Amino acid sequence: MRIRTIQNLKELDSIKDVWKAFEQHSDGPTIFQSWTWNRIWCEQVLAPNKKMRLAVKLVEDSMGGPMAILPFFEQDIVGPLVQVTQFLGHRMSTYNDI
């Protein structure tokens, strides 16, 4: 197993098909779990904020196949020394959990 960290919008775009495939196999994700909502949120809210950074985790099996996506971002609280990890869309969405 390997965990890859997605750190910018270009890398996030590269996992669009994987994210969409997970959407197809779920029992009906909420809008807040969707690729579209999270991509727009990252572009409009996350990217302009210097204290927040993309930290999506892509969990892959030993063959490189996707197992899970953990839609996280990191935020500096007290400079770069104290950080918190939260779900994408934090405070602007509901039901955005795993």
N, C-alpha and C. Protein backbone atom coordinates (compact mmCIF):
# COMPACT_ATOMS: atom_id res chain seq x y z
N MET A 1 0.84 -1.17 0.00
CA MET A 1 0.00 0.00 0.00
C MET A 1 0.89 1.24 0.00
N ARG A 2 0.39 2.26 -0.68
CA ARG A 2 1.12 3.53 -0.78
C ARG A 2 0.12 4.66 -0.61
N ILE A 3 0.54 5.73 0.04
CA ILE A 3 -0.31 6.92 0.17
C ILE A 3 0.41 8.07 -0.51
N ARG A 4 -0.25 8.60 -1.53
CA ARG A 4 0.31 9.71 -2.29
C ARG A 4 -0.42 10.99 -1.89
N THR A 5 0.32 12.08 -1.71
CA THR A 5 -0.28 13.36 -1.35
C THR A 5 -0.40 14.24 -2.58
N ILE A 6 -1.61 14.71 -2.82
CA ILE A 6 -1.91 15.62 -3.93
C ILE A 6 -1.79 17.03 -3.37
N GLN A 7 -0.87 17.84 -3.94
CA GLN A 7 -0.54 19.12 -3.34
C GLN A 7 -0.87 20.35 -4.17
N ASN A 8 -1.34 20.16 -5.39
CA ASN A 8 -1.69 21.33 -6.20
C ASN A 8 -2.84 20.98 -7.15
N LEU A 9 -3.40 21.99 -7.80
CA LEU A 9 -4.57 21.78 -8.65
C LEU A 9 -4.27 20.89 -9.86
N LYS A 10 -3.07 20.99 -10.39
CA LYS A 10 -2.71 20.14 -11.53
C LYS A 10 -2.72 18.66 -11.11
N GLU A 11 -2.15 18.36 -9.96
CA GLU A 11 -2.17 16.98 -9.45
C GLU A 11 -3.60 16.55 -9.13
N LEU A 12 -4.41 17.46 -8.59
CA LEU A 12 -5.80 17.14 -8.31
C LEU A 12 -6.54 16.80 -9.60
N ASP A 13 -6.30 17.58 -10.64
CA ASP A 13 -6.93 17.31 -11.93
C ASP A 13 -6.53 15.93 -12.46
N SER A 14 -5.33 15.48 -12.13
CA SER A 14 -4.86 14.19 -12.64
C SER A 14 -5.60 13.00 -12.02
N ILE A 15 -6.29 13.21 -10.90
CA ILE A 15 -7.04 12.11 -10.29
C ILE A 15 -8.55 12.26 -10.48
N LYS A 16 -8.96 13.14 -11.38
CA LYS A 16 -10.39 13.37 -11.64
C LYS A 16 -11.11 12.07 -11.98
N ASP A 17 -10.57 11.29 -12.89
CA ASP A 17 -11.24 10.05 -13.31
C ASP A 17 -11.35 9.05 -12.17
N VAL A 18 -10.34 8.99 -11.32
CA VAL A 18 -10.38 8.09 -10.15
C VAL A 18 -11.49 8.54 -9.21
N TRP A 19 -11.54 9.85 -8.93
CA TRP A 19 -12.55 10.40 -8.03
C TRP A 19 -13.95 10.11 -8.58
N LYS A 20 -14.13 10.37 -9.88
CA LYS A 20 -15.44 10.15 -10.51
C LYS A 20 -15.82 8.67 -10.47
N ALA A 21 -14.85 7.78 -10.61
CA ALA A 21 -15.13 6.34 -10.54
C ALA A 21 -15.63 5.96 -9.15
N PHE A 22 -15.03 6.54 -8.11
CA PHE A 22 -15.53 6.29 -6.75
C PHE A 22 -16.96 6.80 -6.60
N GLU A 23 -17.27 7.94 -7.21
CA GLU A 23 -18.64 8.46 -7.16
C GLU A 23 -19.62 7.47 -7.77
N GLN A 24 -19.23 6.85 -8.87
CA GLN A 24 -20.11 5.91 -9.57
C GLN A 24 -20.38 4.65 -8.75
N HIS A 25 -19.43 4.26 -7.91
CA HIS A 25 -19.55 3.03 -7.14
C HIS A 25 -20.13 3.22 -5.75
N SER A 26 -20.47 4.46 -5.41
CA SER A 26 -21.03 4.71 -4.08
C SER A 26 -22.55 4.64 -4.14
N ASP A 27 -23.17 4.75 -2.99
CA ASP A 27 -24.63 4.73 -2.91
C ASP A 27 -25.21 6.13 -3.03
N GLY A 28 -24.64 6.93 -3.86
CA GLY A 28 -25.14 8.27 -4.06
C GLY A 28 -24.45 9.30 -3.19
N PRO A 29 -23.27 9.76 -3.59
CA PRO A 29 -22.55 10.75 -2.79
C PRO A 29 -23.32 12.07 -2.76
N THR A 30 -23.12 12.83 -1.70
CA THR A 30 -23.72 14.16 -1.66
C THR A 30 -22.93 15.08 -2.59
N ILE A 31 -23.50 16.22 -2.89
CA ILE A 31 -22.81 17.19 -3.73
C ILE A 31 -21.47 17.58 -3.11
N PHE A 32 -21.42 17.60 -1.78
CA PHE A 32 -20.20 18.03 -1.09
C PHE A 32 -19.07 17.00 -1.15
N GLN A 33 -19.38 15.79 -1.58
CA GLN A 33 -18.35 14.76 -1.76
C GLN A 33 -17.93 14.65 -3.22
N SER A 34 -18.58 15.39 -4.09
CA SER A 34 -18.35 15.24 -5.53
C SER A 34 -17.04 15.90 -5.98
N TRP A 35 -16.53 15.38 -7.09
CA TRP A 35 -15.35 15.96 -7.72
C TRP A 35 -15.60 17.43 -8.03
N THR A 36 -16.74 17.73 -8.63
CA THR A 36 -17.03 19.08 -9.10
C THR A 36 -17.02 20.08 -7.95
N TRP A 37 -17.74 19.79 -6.87
CA TRP A 37 -17.79 20.70 -5.72
C TRP A 37 -16.38 20.93 -5.16
N ASN A 38 -15.66 19.86 -4.94
CA ASN A 38 -14.34 19.97 -4.31
C ASN A 38 -13.33 20.67 -5.21
N ARG A 39 -13.40 20.44 -6.50
CA ARG A 39 -12.47 21.11 -7.43
C ARG A 39 -12.72 22.62 -7.43
N ILE A 40 -13.99 23.01 -7.50
CA ILE A 40 -14.33 24.44 -7.49
C ILE A 40 -13.93 25.07 -6.15
N TRP A 41 -14.20 24.37 -5.05
CA TRP A 41 -13.84 24.89 -3.73
C TRP A 41 -12.33 25.11 -3.64
N CYS A 42 -11.56 24.17 -4.14
CA CYS A 42 -10.10 24.31 -4.10
C CYS A 42 -9.64 25.52 -4.90
N GLU A 43 -10.24 25.72 -6.05
CA GLU A 43 -9.84 26.84 -6.91
C GLU A 43 -10.26 28.18 -6.32
N GLN A 44 -11.48 28.26 -5.81
CA GLN A 44 -12.03 29.54 -5.36
C GLN A 44 -11.66 29.90 -3.92
N VAL A 45 -11.53 28.93 -3.05
CA VAL A 45 -11.30 29.20 -1.62
C VAL A 45 -9.88 28.86 -1.20
N LEU A 46 -9.44 27.68 -1.54
CA LEU A 46 -8.14 27.20 -1.07
C LEU A 46 -6.97 27.89 -1.76
N ALA A 47 -6.98 27.94 -3.08
CA ALA A 47 -5.84 28.46 -3.83
C ALA A 47 -5.45 29.90 -3.45
N PRO A 48 -6.40 30.81 -3.28
CA PRO A 48 -6.01 32.19 -2.94
C PRO A 48 -5.51 32.38 -1.51
N ASN A 49 -5.74 31.43 -0.64
CA ASN A 49 -5.39 31.57 0.78
C ASN A 49 -3.98 31.03 1.03
N LYS A 50 -3.08 31.89 1.41
CA LYS A 50 -1.68 31.50 1.62
C LYS A 50 -1.47 30.60 2.84
N LYS A 51 -2.45 30.59 3.77
CA LYS A 51 -2.30 29.78 4.98
C LYS A 51 -2.90 28.38 4.81
N MET A 52 -3.49 28.10 3.65
CA MET A 52 -4.11 26.80 3.42
C MET A 52 -3.47 26.14 2.21
N ARG A 53 -3.30 24.80 2.29
CA ARG A 53 -2.71 24.05 1.18
C ARG A 53 -3.42 22.74 0.98
N LEU A 54 -3.50 22.37 -0.28
CA LEU A 54 -4.10 21.09 -0.66
C LEU A 54 -3.28 19.95 -0.09
N ALA A 55 -3.97 18.94 0.46
CA ALA A 55 -3.28 17.77 1.03
C ALA A 55 -4.17 16.53 0.87
N VAL A 56 -4.74 16.37 -0.32
CA VAL A 56 -5.58 15.21 -0.61
C VAL A 56 -4.69 13.97 -0.61
N LYS A 57 -5.17 12.91 0.03
CA LYS A 57 -4.42 11.65 0.08
C LYS A 57 -5.08 10.65 -0.86
N LEU A 58 -4.29 10.07 -1.75
CA LEU A 58 -4.73 8.99 -2.62
C LEU A 58 -4.08 7.72 -2.12
N VAL A 59 -4.90 6.81 -1.63
CA VAL A 59 -4.41 5.53 -1.11
C VAL A 59 -4.44 4.52 -2.25
N GLU A 60 -3.30 3.90 -2.52
CA GLU A 60 -3.18 2.94 -3.62
C GLU A 60 -2.74 1.58 -3.08
N ASP A 61 -3.18 0.53 -3.77
CA ASP A 61 -2.74 -0.81 -3.39
C ASP A 61 -1.33 -1.06 -3.92
N SER A 62 -0.80 -2.24 -3.70
CA SER A 62 0.59 -2.55 -4.08
C SER A 62 0.80 -2.53 -5.59
N MET A 63 -0.29 -2.61 -6.36
CA MET A 63 -0.19 -2.57 -7.82
C MET A 63 -0.44 -1.16 -8.37
N GLY A 64 -0.67 -0.19 -7.48
CA GLY A 64 -0.92 1.18 -7.90
C GLY A 64 -2.39 1.49 -8.15
N GLY A 65 -3.26 0.54 -7.85
CA GLY A 65 -4.69 0.75 -8.03
C GLY A 65 -5.27 1.57 -6.88
N PRO A 66 -6.19 2.48 -7.19
CA PRO A 66 -6.76 3.34 -6.15
C PRO A 66 -7.65 2.56 -5.18
N MET A 67 -7.49 2.84 -3.89
CA MET A 67 -8.30 2.22 -2.85
C MET A 67 -9.20 3.24 -2.15
N ALA A 68 -8.71 4.47 -2.00
CA ALA A 68 -9.47 5.50 -1.29
C ALA A 68 -8.90 6.88 -1.62
N ILE A 69 -9.77 7.87 -1.48
CA ILE A 69 -9.35 9.27 -1.56
C ILE A 69 -9.74 9.92 -0.24
N LEU A 70 -8.78 10.56 0.39
CA LEU A 70 -9.02 11.30 1.63
C LEU A 70 -8.92 12.78 1.29
N PRO A 71 -10.05 13.47 1.16
CA PRO A 71 -10.06 14.85 0.67
C PRO A 71 -9.71 15.89 1.74
N PHE A 72 -8.43 16.07 1.98
CA PHE A 72 -7.95 16.95 3.04
C PHE A 72 -7.26 18.20 2.51
N PHE A 73 -7.20 19.20 3.38
CA PHE A 73 -6.30 20.33 3.20
C PHE A 73 -5.67 20.63 4.55
N GLU A 74 -4.54 21.32 4.52
CA GLU A 74 -3.84 21.71 5.74
C GLU A 74 -3.90 23.22 5.88
N GLN A 75 -4.03 23.67 7.12
CA GLN A 75 -4.11 25.11 7.38
C GLN A 75 -3.15 25.48 8.51
N ASP A 76 -2.37 26.53 8.27
CA ASP A 76 -1.49 27.06 9.32
C ASP A 76 -2.35 27.79 10.34
N ILE A 77 -2.15 27.48 11.61
CA ILE A 77 -2.89 28.14 12.68
C ILE A 77 -2.01 29.19 13.36
N VAL A 78 -0.82 28.79 13.75
CA VAL A 78 0.15 29.71 14.35
C VAL A 78 1.41 29.60 13.52
N GLY A 79 1.44 30.31 12.41
CA GLY A 79 2.56 30.18 11.50
C GLY A 79 2.67 28.75 11.00
N PRO A 80 3.79 28.38 10.44
CA PRO A 80 3.94 27.02 9.92
C PRO A 80 4.19 25.97 11.01
N LEU A 81 4.34 26.40 12.26
CA LEU A 81 4.64 25.46 13.33
C LEU A 81 3.42 24.69 13.82
N VAL A 82 2.26 25.32 13.77
CA VAL A 82 1.03 24.67 14.22
C VAL A 82 0.07 24.61 13.04
N GLN A 83 -0.28 23.38 12.64
CA GLN A 83 -1.16 23.18 11.49
C GLN A 83 -2.31 22.27 11.89
N VAL A 84 -3.40 22.39 11.15
CA VAL A 84 -4.53 21.50 11.34
C VAL A 84 -4.91 20.93 9.97
N THR A 85 -5.33 19.68 9.97
CA THR A 85 -5.79 19.03 8.74
C THR A 85 -7.31 18.93 8.81
N GLN A 86 -7.97 19.36 7.72
CA GLN A 86 -9.43 19.36 7.69
C GLN A 86 -9.90 18.84 6.33
N PHE A 87 -11.20 18.54 6.26
CA PHE A 87 -11.79 18.12 4.99
C PHE A 87 -11.92 19.32 4.05
N LEU A 88 -11.74 19.07 2.74
CA LEU A 88 -12.03 20.10 1.76
C LEU A 88 -13.46 20.58 1.97
N GLY A 89 -13.69 21.85 1.75
CA GLY A 89 -15.03 22.40 1.92
C GLY A 89 -15.39 22.74 3.34
N HIS A 90 -14.43 22.61 4.25
CA HIS A 90 -14.68 22.87 5.67
C HIS A 90 -15.42 24.19 5.87
N ARG A 91 -16.46 24.16 6.68
CA ARG A 91 -17.32 25.29 7.03
C ARG A 91 -18.22 25.75 5.90
N MET A 92 -18.14 25.17 4.73
CA MET A 92 -19.00 25.55 3.62
C MET A 92 -19.82 24.38 3.11
N SER A 93 -19.69 23.25 3.74
CA SER A 93 -20.42 22.08 3.27
C SER A 93 -20.77 21.17 4.44
N THR A 94 -21.71 20.28 4.18
CA THR A 94 -22.08 19.27 5.16
C THR A 94 -21.96 17.91 4.49
N TYR A 95 -21.88 16.89 5.27
CA TYR A 95 -21.79 15.52 4.75
C TYR A 95 -20.58 15.32 3.85
N ASN A 96 -19.47 15.98 4.16
CA ASN A 96 -18.26 15.83 3.33
C ASN A 96 -17.28 14.85 3.94
N ASP A 97 -17.79 13.96 4.79
CA ASP A 97 -16.92 12.99 5.43
C ASP A 97 -16.64 11.81 4.51
N ILE A 98 -15.83 10.92 5.00
CA ILE A 98 -15.43 9.75 4.22
C ILE A 98 -16.59 8.80 4.08
